[in-house]
Amino acid sequence: MWFIRVLALIALAFGLSACGTKFKTYNGPEVTSVQVHKGERKMYLLHNDKVLKKYDVALGFTPIGHKNFEGDGRTPEGTYRINRRNPNSEFHLSLGISYPNADDRAFAAANGKPPGGDIFIHGWSRRPIKQRDWTAGCIAVKDREIETIYAMVKDGTVINILP
Protein backbone atom coordinates (compact mmCIF):
# COMPACT_ATOMS: atom_id res chain seq x y z
CA MET A 1 0.00 0.00 0.00
CA TRP A 2 2.82 2.44 0.84
CA PHE A 3 4.32 1.70 -2.60
CA ILE A 4 1.13 2.92 -4.31
CA ARG A 5 1.16 6.10 -2.20
CA VAL A 6 4.77 6.80 -3.14
CA LEU A 7 3.97 6.27 -6.83
CA ALA A 8 0.95 8.55 -6.53
CA LEU A 9 3.07 11.29 -4.91
CA ILE A 10 5.72 10.97 -7.62
CA ALA A 11 3.05 11.17 -10.33
CA LEU A 12 1.53 14.23 -8.63
CA ALA A 13 4.93 15.94 -8.42
CA PHE A 14 5.60 15.33 -12.12
CA GLY A 15 2.10 16.49 -13.02
CA LEU A 16 2.49 19.75 -11.09
CA SER A 17 5.90 20.43 -12.58
CA ALA A 18 4.39 20.10 -16.06
CA CYS A 19 1.81 22.83 -15.36
CA GLY A 20 2.50 25.88 -17.49
CA THR A 21 2.93 29.41 -16.31
CA LYS A 22 2.72 32.64 -18.21
CA PHE A 23 5.91 33.83 -16.48
CA LYS A 24 8.86 32.46 -18.40
CA THR A 25 12.54 33.09 -17.74
CA TYR A 26 15.19 34.16 -20.22
CA ASN A 27 18.95 33.84 -19.92
CA GLY A 28 20.13 34.70 -23.44
CA PRO A 29 21.63 37.84 -24.97
CA GLU A 30 20.14 41.13 -23.78
CA VAL A 31 17.41 42.61 -25.95
CA THR A 32 18.91 46.03 -26.69
CA SER A 33 16.01 47.25 -28.84
CA VAL A 34 12.65 46.33 -30.31
CA GLN A 35 11.73 47.28 -33.88
CA VAL A 36 8.20 47.24 -35.24
CA HIS A 37 7.73 47.52 -39.00
CA LYS A 38 4.08 48.47 -39.30
CA GLY A 39 3.85 48.00 -43.07
CA GLU A 40 5.19 44.45 -42.82
CA ARG A 41 3.25 43.67 -39.61
CA LYS A 42 6.50 42.41 -38.06
CA MET A 43 8.24 42.96 -34.73
CA TYR A 44 11.91 42.17 -34.12
CA LEU A 45 13.73 41.75 -30.81
CA LEU A 46 17.35 42.72 -31.35
CA HIS A 47 20.67 42.39 -29.56
CA ASN A 48 22.56 45.29 -31.15
CA ASP A 49 22.06 44.51 -34.88
CA LYS A 50 21.34 40.77 -34.50
CA VAL A 51 17.71 39.61 -34.65
CA LEU A 52 16.96 37.33 -31.69
CA LYS A 53 13.25 36.80 -32.41
CA LYS A 54 10.67 37.98 -34.92
CA TYR A 55 6.90 38.02 -34.64
CA ASP A 56 3.83 38.73 -36.75
CA VAL A 57 1.77 41.52 -35.19
CA ALA A 58 -1.65 43.12 -35.35
CA LEU A 59 -1.90 46.89 -35.03
CA GLY A 60 -4.50 49.56 -34.39
CA PHE A 61 -7.69 49.38 -36.45
CA THR A 62 -6.46 52.37 -38.54
CA PRO A 63 -2.84 51.26 -38.97
CA ILE A 64 -1.50 53.76 -41.52
CA GLY A 65 0.12 56.89 -40.12
CA HIS A 66 1.29 58.08 -36.71
CA LYS A 67 -1.07 58.17 -33.74
CA ASN A 68 -2.19 61.76 -33.27
CA PHE A 69 -5.19 61.68 -30.96
CA GLU A 70 -7.05 59.50 -28.53
CA GLY A 71 -9.45 57.19 -30.34
CA ASP A 72 -7.90 57.47 -33.82
CA GLY A 73 -7.09 53.72 -33.88
CA ARG A 74 -3.51 54.31 -34.99
CA THR A 75 -0.35 52.74 -33.62
CA PRO A 76 2.31 55.39 -32.86
CA GLU A 77 5.43 55.79 -34.98
CA GLY A 78 8.76 56.93 -33.59
CA THR A 79 11.21 56.07 -30.84
CA TYR A 80 9.83 55.25 -27.41
CA ARG A 81 10.77 53.05 -24.45
CA ILE A 82 9.24 50.07 -22.74
CA ASN A 83 8.23 51.75 -19.49
CA ARG A 84 5.98 49.39 -17.55
CA ARG A 85 4.59 45.87 -17.43
CA ASN A 86 1.19 44.55 -16.56
CA PRO A 87 1.09 40.90 -15.43
CA ASN A 88 -2.72 41.13 -15.00
CA SER A 89 -3.50 42.60 -18.41
CA GLU A 90 -6.90 42.07 -19.98
CA PHE A 91 -4.82 40.79 -22.91
CA HIS A 92 -2.84 38.09 -21.04
CA LEU A 93 0.40 40.06 -20.40
CA SER A 94 1.47 43.48 -21.61
CA LEU A 95 4.48 45.77 -21.89
CA GLY A 96 3.82 49.51 -21.83
CA ILE A 97 5.19 51.86 -24.47
CA SER A 98 6.09 55.42 -23.40
CA TYR A 99 3.65 57.08 -25.84
CA PRO A 100 2.84 59.99 -25.71
CA ASN A 101 6.13 61.85 -25.60
CA ALA A 102 6.44 65.65 -25.32
CA ASP A 103 6.05 66.16 -29.10
CA ASP A 104 2.95 63.95 -29.20
CA ARG A 105 1.34 65.88 -26.33
CA ALA A 106 2.20 69.25 -27.91
CA PHE A 107 0.74 68.27 -31.29
CA ALA A 108 -2.49 67.04 -29.73
CA ALA A 109 -2.79 70.13 -27.51
CA ALA A 110 -2.26 72.42 -30.50
CA ASN A 111 -5.22 70.69 -32.12
CA GLY A 112 -7.36 70.82 -28.97
CA LYS A 113 -7.48 67.05 -28.51
CA PRO A 114 -6.02 64.55 -26.06
CA PRO A 115 -3.10 62.48 -27.40
CA GLY A 116 -4.34 59.19 -25.98
CA GLY A 117 -2.15 56.73 -24.16
CA ASP A 118 -2.06 53.23 -22.72
CA ILE A 119 -0.21 51.86 -25.74
CA PHE A 120 1.13 48.34 -25.13
CA ILE A 121 2.60 45.25 -26.69
CA HIS A 122 0.13 42.61 -25.54
CA GLY A 123 -1.38 39.18 -26.17
CA TRP A 124 -4.42 38.43 -28.30
CA SER A 125 -6.78 37.88 -25.38
CA ARG A 126 -9.36 35.12 -25.28
CA ARG A 127 -11.82 36.84 -27.57
CA PRO A 128 -12.01 35.80 -31.22
CA ILE A 129 -10.16 38.03 -33.61
CA LYS A 130 -12.08 38.59 -36.84
CA GLN A 131 -9.82 41.12 -38.49
CA ARG A 132 -6.11 41.59 -38.98
CA ASP A 133 -5.69 44.98 -37.27
CA TRP A 134 -8.05 45.32 -34.36
CA THR A 135 -6.41 47.05 -31.39
CA ALA A 136 -7.05 50.62 -30.25
CA GLY A 137 -3.44 51.46 -31.19
CA CYS A 138 -1.47 48.71 -29.47
CA ILE A 139 0.76 45.99 -30.91
CA ALA A 140 -0.71 42.51 -30.46
CA VAL A 141 0.97 39.11 -30.64
CA LYS A 142 -0.19 35.61 -29.69
CA ASP A 143 -0.41 34.83 -25.98
CA ARG A 144 2.46 32.31 -26.05
CA GLU A 145 4.59 34.92 -27.85
CA ILE A 146 3.93 37.71 -25.32
CA GLU A 147 5.06 35.30 -22.61
CA THR A 148 8.48 35.06 -24.29
CA ILE A 149 8.62 38.79 -25.09
CA TYR A 150 7.66 39.66 -21.49
CA ALA A 151 10.60 37.58 -20.24
CA MET A 152 13.11 38.90 -22.77
CA VAL A 153 12.37 42.65 -22.90
CA LYS A 154 13.24 44.73 -19.85
CA ASP A 155 11.83 48.09 -18.80
CA GLY A 156 13.84 50.90 -20.39
CA THR A 157 14.41 49.03 -23.67
CA VAL A 158 14.15 51.28 -26.74
CA ILE A 159 11.31 50.51 -29.16
CA ASN A 160 11.42 51.95 -32.68
CA ILE A 161 8.05 51.85 -34.42
CA LEU A 162 8.50 52.40 -38.14
CA PRO A 163 5.89 52.99 -40.89
C-alpha atoms as a PDB file:
ATOM      1  CA  MET A   1       0.000   0.000   0.000  1.00  0.00           C
ATOM      2  CA  TRP A   2       2.818   2.435   0.836  1.00  0.00           C
ATOM      3  CA  PHE A   3       4.316   1.704  -2.595  1.00  0.00           C
ATOM      4  CA  ILE A   4       1.129   2.916  -4.310  1.00  0.00           C
ATOM      5  CA  ARG A   5       1.155   6.103  -2.198  1.00  0.00           C
ATOM      6  CA  VAL A   6       4.773   6.802  -3.138  1.00  0.00           C
ATOM      7  CA  LEU A   7       3.969   6.266  -6.831  1.00  0.00           C
ATOM      8  CA  ALA A   8       0.952   8.554  -6.525  1.00  0.00           C
ATOM      9  CA  LEU A   9       3.070  11.293  -4.906  1.00  0.00           C
ATOM     10  CA  ILE A  10       5.719  10.975  -7.616  1.00  0.00           C
ATOM     11  CA  ALA A  11       3.052  11.172 -10.333  1.00  0.00           C
ATOM     12  CA  LEU A  12       1.530  14.229  -8.627  1.00  0.00           C
ATOM     13  CA  ALA A  13       4.934  15.940  -8.425  1.00  0.00           C
ATOM     14  CA  PHE A  14       5.602  15.332 -12.123  1.00  0.00           C
ATOM     15  CA  GLY A  15       2.098  16.495 -13.015  1.00  0.00           C
ATOM     16  CA  LEU A  16       2.489  19.748 -11.091  1.00  0.00           C
ATOM     17  CA  SER A  17       5.898  20.428 -12.583  1.00  0.00           C
ATOM     18  CA  ALA A  18       4.386  20.105 -16.063  1.00  0.00           C
ATOM     19  CA  CYS A  19       1.806  22.828 -15.362  1.00  0.00           C
ATOM     20  CA  GLY A  20       2.497  25.878 -17.493  1.00  0.00           C
ATOM     21  CA  THR A  21       2.929  29.406 -16.307  1.00  0.00           C
ATOM     22  CA  LYS A  22       2.721  32.642 -18.206  1.00  0.00           C
ATOM     23  CA  PHE A  23       5.906  33.830 -16.483  1.00  0.00           C
ATOM     24  CA  LYS A  24       8.860  32.457 -18.398  1.00  0.00           C
ATOM     25  CA  THR A  25      12.535  33.088 -17.740  1.00  0.00           C
ATOM     26  CA  TYR A  26      15.187  34.159 -20.216  1.00  0.00           C
ATOM     27  CA  ASN A  27      18.950  33.841 -19.918  1.00  0.00           C
ATOM     28  CA  GLY A  28      20.129  34.703 -23.439  1.00  0.00           C
ATOM     29  CA  PRO A  29      21.633  37.840 -24.972  1.00  0.00           C
ATOM     30  CA  GLU A  30      20.141  41.125 -23.784  1.00  0.00           C
ATOM     31  CA  VAL A  31      17.411  42.611 -25.952  1.00  0.00           C
ATOM     32  CA  THR A  32      18.907  46.032 -26.691  1.00  0.00           C
ATOM     33  CA  SER A  33      16.013  47.255 -28.840  1.00  0.00           C
ATOM     34  CA  VAL A  34      12.652  46.327 -30.312  1.00  0.00           C
ATOM     35  CA  GLN A  35      11.728  47.277 -33.879  1.00  0.00           C
ATOM     36  CA  VAL A  36       8.203  47.240 -35.236  1.00  0.00           C
ATOM     37  CA  HIS A  37       7.731  47.523 -39.003  1.00  0.00           C
ATOM     38  CA  LYS A  38       4.079  48.467 -39.303  1.00  0.00           C
ATOM     39  CA  GLY A  39       3.848  48.000 -43.073  1.00  0.00           C
ATOM     40  CA  GLU A  40       5.190  44.448 -42.816  1.00  0.00           C
ATOM     41  CA  ARG A  41       3.246  43.671 -39.609  1.00  0.00           C
ATOM     42  CA  LYS A  42       6.505  42.412 -38.057  1.00  0.00           C
ATOM     43  CA  MET A  43       8.240  42.960 -34.728  1.00  0.00           C
ATOM     44  CA  TYR A  44      11.907  42.167 -34.116  1.00  0.00           C
ATOM     45  CA  LEU A  45      13.727  41.745 -30.807  1.00  0.00           C
ATOM     46  CA  LEU A  46      17.351  42.719 -31.353  1.00  0.00           C
ATOM     47  CA  HIS A  47      20.667  42.390 -29.561  1.00  0.00           C
ATOM     48  CA  ASN A  48      22.555  45.289 -31.145  1.00  0.00           C
ATOM     49  CA  ASP A  49      22.063  44.511 -34.885  1.00  0.00           C
ATOM     50  CA  LYS A  50      21.343  40.771 -34.502  1.00  0.00           C
ATOM     51  CA  VAL A  51      17.712  39.613 -34.647  1.00  0.00           C
ATOM     52  CA  LEU A  52      16.964  37.335 -31.689  1.00  0.00           C
ATOM     53  CA  LYS A  53      13.252  36.798 -32.406  1.00  0.00           C
ATOM     54  CA  LYS A  54      10.673  37.983 -34.922  1.00  0.00           C
ATOM     55  CA  TYR A  55       6.901  38.017 -34.636  1.00  0.00           C
ATOM     56  CA  ASP A  56       3.835  38.727 -36.746  1.00  0.00           C
ATOM     57  CA  VAL A  57       1.775  41.525 -35.187  1.00  0.00           C
ATOM     58  CA  ALA A  58      -1.654  43.115 -35.349  1.00  0.00           C
ATOM     59  CA  LEU A  59      -1.896  46.893 -35.030  1.00  0.00           C
ATOM     60  CA  GLY A  60      -4.500  49.565 -34.390  1.00  0.00           C
ATOM     61  CA  PHE A  61      -7.687  49.380 -36.451  1.00  0.00           C
ATOM     62  CA  THR A  62      -6.459  52.365 -38.539  1.00  0.00           C
ATOM     63  CA  PRO A  63      -2.844  51.265 -38.967  1.00  0.00           C
ATOM     64  CA  ILE A  64      -1.501  53.762 -41.518  1.00  0.00           C
ATOM     65  CA  GLY A  65       0.124  56.893 -40.121  1.00  0.00           C
ATOM     66  CA  HIS A  66       1.294  58.082 -36.710  1.00  0.00           C
ATOM     67  CA  LYS A  67      -1.065  58.167 -33.744  1.00  0.00           C
ATOM     68  CA  ASN A  68      -2.194  61.761 -33.274  1.00  0.00           C
ATOM     69  CA  PHE A  69      -5.194  61.678 -30.965  1.00  0.00           C
ATOM     70  CA  GLU A  70      -7.048  59.498 -28.527  1.00  0.00           C
ATOM     71  CA  GLY A  71      -9.446  57.185 -30.337  1.00  0.00           C
ATOM     72  CA  ASP A  72      -7.900  57.468 -33.815  1.00  0.00           C
ATOM     73  CA  GLY A  73      -7.087  53.723 -33.881  1.00  0.00           C
ATOM     74  CA  ARG A  74      -3.515  54.307 -34.989  1.00  0.00           C
ATOM     75  CA  THR A  75      -0.354  52.740 -33.619  1.00  0.00           C
ATOM     76  CA  PRO A  76       2.309  55.391 -32.862  1.00  0.00           C
ATOM     77  CA  GLU A  77       5.433  55.789 -34.984  1.00  0.00           C
ATOM     78  CA  GLY A  78       8.760  56.929 -33.587  1.00  0.00           C
ATOM     79  CA  THR A  79      11.208  56.070 -30.843  1.00  0.00           C
ATOM     80  CA  TYR A  80       9.833  55.251 -27.413  1.00  0.00           C
ATOM     81  CA  ARG A  81      10.773  53.051 -24.446  1.00  0.00           C
ATOM     82  CA  ILE A  82       9.237  50.068 -22.736  1.00  0.00           C
ATOM     83  CA  ASN A  83       8.234  51.747 -19.495  1.00  0.00           C
ATOM     84  CA  ARG A  84       5.982  49.385 -17.549  1.00  0.00           C
ATOM     85  CA  ARG A  85       4.595  45.874 -17.433  1.00  0.00           C
ATOM     86  CA  ASN A  86       1.185  44.545 -16.557  1.00  0.00           C
ATOM     87  CA  PRO A  87       1.086  40.903 -15.431  1.00  0.00           C
ATOM     88  CA  ASN A  88      -2.719  41.132 -14.999  1.00  0.00           C
ATOM     89  CA  SER A  89      -3.498  42.601 -18.407  1.00  0.00           C
ATOM     90  CA  GLU A  90      -6.897  42.068 -19.980  1.00  0.00           C
ATOM     91  CA  PHE A  91      -4.822  40.795 -22.912  1.00  0.00           C
ATOM     92  CA  HIS A  92      -2.841  38.086 -21.037  1.00  0.00           C
ATOM     93  CA  LEU A  93       0.397  40.058 -20.398  1.00  0.00           C
ATOM     94  CA  SER A  94       1.470  43.480 -21.608  1.00  0.00           C
ATOM     95  CA  LEU A  95       4.481  45.769 -21.893  1.00  0.00           C
ATOM     96  CA  GLY A  96       3.821  49.509 -21.831  1.00  0.00           C
ATOM     97  CA  ILE A  97       5.191  51.865 -24.470  1.00  0.00           C
ATOM     98  CA  SER A  98       6.092  55.423 -23.400  1.00  0.00           C
ATOM     99  CA  TYR A  99       3.654  57.085 -25.844  1.00  0.00           C
ATOM    100  CA  PRO A 100       2.838  59.986 -25.710  1.00  0.00           C
ATOM    101  CA  ASN A 101       6.127  61.851 -25.598  1.00  0.00           C
ATOM    102  CA  ALA A 102       6.436  65.651 -25.324  1.00  0.00           C
ATOM    103  CA  ASP A 103       6.047  66.161 -29.096  1.00  0.00           C
ATOM    104  CA  ASP A 104       2.946  63.951 -29.204  1.00  0.00           C
ATOM    105  CA  ARG A 105       1.343  65.884 -26.327  1.00  0.00           C
ATOM    106  CA  ALA A 106       2.202  69.249 -27.907  1.00  0.00           C
ATOM    107  CA  PHE A 107       0.739  68.275 -31.291  1.00  0.00           C
ATOM    108  CA  ALA A 108      -2.492  67.037 -29.726  1.00  0.00           C
ATOM    109  CA  ALA A 109      -2.788  70.128 -27.512  1.00  0.00           C
ATOM    110  CA  ALA A 110      -2.260  72.423 -30.504  1.00  0.00           C
ATOM    111  CA  ASN A 111      -5.224  70.688 -32.116  1.00  0.00           C
ATOM    112  CA  GLY A 112      -7.356  70.823 -28.969  1.00  0.00           C
ATOM    113  CA  LYS A 113      -7.482  67.053 -28.514  1.00  0.00           C
ATOM    114  CA  PRO A 114      -6.024  64.548 -26.060  1.00  0.00           C
ATOM    115  CA  PRO A 115      -3.103  62.478 -27.397  1.00  0.00           C
ATOM    116  CA  GLY A 116      -4.341  59.188 -25.979  1.00  0.00           C
ATOM    117  CA  GLY A 117      -2.150  56.731 -24.163  1.00  0.00           C
ATOM    118  CA  ASP A 118      -2.059  53.234 -22.717  1.00  0.00           C
ATOM    119  CA  ILE A 119      -0.206  51.857 -25.737  1.00  0.00           C
ATOM    120  CA  PHE A 120       1.129  48.345 -25.126  1.00  0.00           C
ATOM    121  CA  ILE A 121       2.595  45.253 -26.687  1.00  0.00           C
ATOM    122  CA  HIS A 122       0.127  42.609 -25.543  1.00  0.00           C
ATOM    123  CA  GLY A 123      -1.382  39.179 -26.172  1.00  0.00           C
ATOM    124  CA  TRP A 124      -4.424  38.427 -28.304  1.00  0.00           C
ATOM    125  CA  SER A 125      -6.784  37.881 -25.382  1.00  0.00           C
ATOM    126  CA  ARG A 126      -9.357  35.117 -25.278  1.00  0.00           C
ATOM    127  CA  ARG A 127     -11.822  36.837 -27.567  1.00  0.00           C
ATOM    128  CA  PRO A 128     -12.014  35.796 -31.215  1.00  0.00           C
ATOM    129  CA  ILE A 129     -10.157  38.033 -33.609  1.00  0.00           C
ATOM    130  CA  LYS A 130     -12.076  38.586 -36.845  1.00  0.00           C
ATOM    131  CA  GLN A 131      -9.824  41.120 -38.495  1.00  0.00           C
ATOM    132  CA  ARG A 132      -6.108  41.591 -38.982  1.00  0.00           C
ATOM    133  CA  ASP A 133      -5.691  44.985 -37.270  1.00  0.00           C
ATOM    134  CA  TRP A 134      -8.052  45.323 -34.356  1.00  0.00           C
ATOM    135  CA  THR A 135      -6.408  47.053 -31.394  1.00  0.00           C
ATOM    136  CA  ALA A 136      -7.050  50.616 -30.247  1.00  0.00           C
ATOM    137  CA  GLY A 137      -3.439  51.460 -31.185  1.00  0.00           C
ATOM    138  CA  CYS A 138      -1.469  48.714 -29.472  1.00  0.00           C
ATOM    139  CA  ILE A 139       0.757  45.993 -30.912  1.00  0.00           C
ATOM    140  CA  ALA A 140      -0.705  42.509 -30.455  1.00  0.00           C
ATOM    141  CA  VAL A 141       0.968  39.106 -30.644  1.00  0.00           C
ATOM    142  CA  LYS A 142      -0.191  35.609 -29.694  1.00  0.00           C
ATOM    143  CA  ASP A 143      -0.412  34.826 -25.982  1.00  0.00           C
ATOM    144  CA  ARG A 144       2.455  32.313 -26.048  1.00  0.00           C
ATOM    145  CA  GLU A 145       4.588  34.920 -27.845  1.00  0.00           C
ATOM    146  CA  ILE A 146       3.927  37.713 -25.323  1.00  0.00           C
ATOM    147  CA  GLU A 147       5.060  35.301 -22.608  1.00  0.00           C
ATOM    148  CA  THR A 148       8.477  35.058 -24.287  1.00  0.00           C
ATOM    149  CA  ILE A 149       8.615  38.792 -25.086  1.00  0.00           C
ATOM    150  CA  TYR A 150       7.656  39.657 -21.489  1.00  0.00           C
ATOM    151  CA  ALA A 151      10.596  37.576 -20.236  1.00  0.00           C
ATOM    152  CA  MET A 152      13.112  38.902 -22.774  1.00  0.00           C
ATOM    153  CA  VAL A 153      12.371  42.652 -22.902  1.00  0.00           C
ATOM    154  CA  LYS A 154      13.240  44.731 -19.853  1.00  0.00           C
ATOM    155  CA  ASP A 155      11.835  48.086 -18.798  1.00  0.00           C
ATOM    156  CA  GLY A 156      13.836  50.905 -20.391  1.00  0.00           C
ATOM    157  CA  THR A 157      14.410  49.030 -23.670  1.00  0.00           C
ATOM    158  CA  VAL A 158      14.155  51.277 -26.743  1.00  0.00           C
ATOM    159  CA  ILE A 159      11.312  50.509 -29.161  1.00  0.00           C
ATOM    160  CA  ASN A 160      11.416  51.948 -32.684  1.00  0.00           C
ATOM    161  CA  ILE A 161       8.052  51.855 -34.418  1.00  0.00           C
ATOM    162  CA  LEU A 162       8.498  52.402 -38.142  1.00  0.00           C
ATOM    163  CA  PRO A 163       5.891  52.992 -40.887  1.00  0.00           C
END
